[in-house]
Amino acid sequence: MAKGVTRTACPDSVAAVFAALGSPTRMALMVRLVDRPYSVNELAAAVGAKQANVSQQLGLLKQAGLVTSVRTGTTVTYSTDGPEVNRIIALALQLLRGIVSRRYTSFGPA
């Protein structure tokens, strides 16, 4: 068994977290939220999406336990749900960079 993985982790729950990260829009939101909290409108502008779509995507991320929200008046601000979530995003980006680097270097010099 992998280090840090327990038998009590429900495979369905783990799959749900990774499914939530499987959308390009949701991943773009998470990458931004690692840096700082954002309102829905700020995130919509940052990713070039409609506010309603961003709200829906944030709801799915919240349901998966990846983000939290705080309402202040009419503004809802979202942030990642802790350092473990930030590490998942950082590792996903590191993995992607490694994959791209290996594929690029496998073509050899131009």
Protein backbone atom coordinates (compact mmCIF):
# COMPACT_ATOMS: atom_id res chain seq x y z
CA MET A 1 0.00 0.00 0.00
CA ALA A 2 1.28 3.49 -0.86
CA LYS A 3 2.78 5.55 1.93
CA GLY A 4 0.17 7.75 3.60
CA VAL A 5 -2.77 5.78 2.17
CA THR A 6 -4.97 3.97 4.65
CA ARG A 7 -7.40 1.15 4.10
CA THR A 8 -10.17 3.35 5.52
CA ALA A 9 -10.08 5.74 2.55
CA CYS A 10 -13.21 5.07 0.52
CA PRO A 11 -12.32 4.53 -3.15
CA ASP A 12 -15.57 6.23 -4.19
CA SER A 13 -14.66 9.35 -2.20
CA VAL A 14 -11.17 9.48 -3.67
CA ALA A 15 -12.59 9.03 -7.16
CA ALA A 16 -15.11 11.83 -6.52
CA VAL A 17 -12.31 14.24 -5.59
CA PHE A 18 -10.34 13.44 -8.73
CA ALA A 19 -13.49 13.58 -10.86
CA ALA A 20 -14.10 17.08 -9.52
CA LEU A 21 -10.59 18.05 -10.61
CA GLY A 22 -11.09 16.43 -14.02
CA SER A 23 -12.75 19.45 -15.60
CA PRO A 24 -10.48 22.05 -17.23
CA THR A 25 -12.67 24.85 -15.86
CA ARG A 26 -12.66 23.48 -12.32
CA MET A 27 -8.91 22.92 -12.45
CA ALA A 28 -8.41 26.51 -13.66
CA LEU A 29 -10.48 27.71 -10.71
CA MET A 30 -8.46 25.61 -8.27
CA VAL A 31 -5.14 26.86 -9.64
CA ARG A 32 -6.25 30.42 -8.93
CA LEU A 33 -7.70 29.62 -5.50
CA VAL A 34 -4.36 28.19 -4.35
CA ASP A 35 -2.96 31.73 -4.53
CA ARG A 36 -5.72 33.53 -2.61
CA PRO A 37 -9.47 33.66 -1.97
CA TYR A 38 -11.62 34.97 -4.83
CA SER A 39 -15.21 36.09 -5.23
CA VAL A 40 -17.29 34.38 -7.90
CA ASN A 41 -17.15 37.48 -10.10
CA GLU A 42 -13.35 37.70 -9.81
CA LEU A 43 -13.01 34.04 -10.75
CA ALA A 44 -15.39 34.42 -13.68
CA ALA A 45 -13.30 37.28 -15.04
CA ALA A 46 -10.03 35.40 -14.39
CA VAL A 47 -11.07 32.28 -16.31
CA GLY A 48 -13.20 34.00 -18.94
CA ALA A 49 -16.42 32.21 -18.03
CA LYS A 50 -19.94 33.28 -17.15
CA GLN A 51 -20.65 33.89 -13.48
CA ALA A 52 -23.44 31.29 -13.45
CA ASN A 53 -21.12 28.60 -14.83
CA VAL A 54 -18.39 29.46 -12.33
CA SER A 55 -20.91 29.30 -9.47
CA GLN A 56 -22.04 25.87 -10.63
CA GLN A 57 -18.45 24.61 -10.90
CA LEU A 58 -17.59 25.99 -7.45
CA GLY A 59 -20.60 24.17 -6.05
CA LEU A 60 -19.23 20.88 -7.39
CA LEU A 61 -15.79 21.64 -5.94
CA LYS A 62 -17.38 22.48 -2.60
CA GLN A 63 -19.41 19.26 -2.66
CA ALA A 64 -16.16 17.33 -3.24
CA GLY A 65 -14.61 19.02 -0.19
CA LEU A 66 -12.02 20.97 -2.17
CA VAL A 67 -13.21 24.53 -1.51
CA THR A 68 -14.96 26.48 1.23
CA SER A 69 -16.99 29.66 0.98
CA VAL A 70 -17.74 32.68 3.13
CA ARG A 71 -20.66 35.02 2.49
CA THR A 72 -20.24 38.70 3.32
CA GLY A 73 -23.41 40.56 2.37
CA THR A 74 -24.10 39.64 -1.23
CA THR A 75 -20.53 38.55 -1.98
CA VAL A 76 -19.44 34.92 -1.68
CA THR A 77 -15.70 34.37 -1.45
CA TYR A 78 -14.17 30.97 -2.13
CA SER A 79 -10.86 29.49 -1.02
CA THR A 80 -9.26 26.07 -1.03
CA ASP A 81 -10.14 23.87 1.92
CA GLY A 82 -6.68 23.74 3.45
CA PRO A 83 -3.05 22.98 2.74
CA GLU A 84 -3.73 19.38 1.70
CA VAL A 85 -5.85 20.62 -1.19
CA ASN A 86 -3.13 23.09 -2.17
CA ARG A 87 -0.63 20.22 -2.22
CA ILE A 88 -2.88 18.16 -4.50
CA ILE A 89 -3.05 21.04 -6.98
CA ALA A 90 0.71 21.65 -6.78
CA LEU A 91 1.43 17.95 -7.36
CA ALA A 92 -0.99 17.82 -10.30
CA LEU A 93 0.78 20.77 -11.93
CA GLN A 94 4.19 19.21 -11.22
CA LEU A 95 3.03 15.95 -12.78
CA LEU A 96 1.78 17.78 -15.86
CA ARG A 97 5.07 19.67 -16.26
CA GLY A 98 6.96 16.38 -16.03
CA ILE A 99 4.75 14.71 -18.62
CA VAL A 100 5.08 17.64 -21.02
CA SER A 101 8.85 17.78 -20.47
CA ARG A 102 9.29 14.05 -21.14
CA ARG A 103 7.16 14.19 -24.27
CA TYR A 104 8.96 17.27 -25.57
CA THR A 105 12.43 15.85 -24.97
CA SER A 106 11.49 12.51 -26.52
CA PHE A 107 11.30 14.23 -29.91
CA GLY A 108 15.02 15.04 -29.68
CA PRO A 109 16.76 18.14 -31.00
CA ALA A 110 15.08 20.06 -33.79
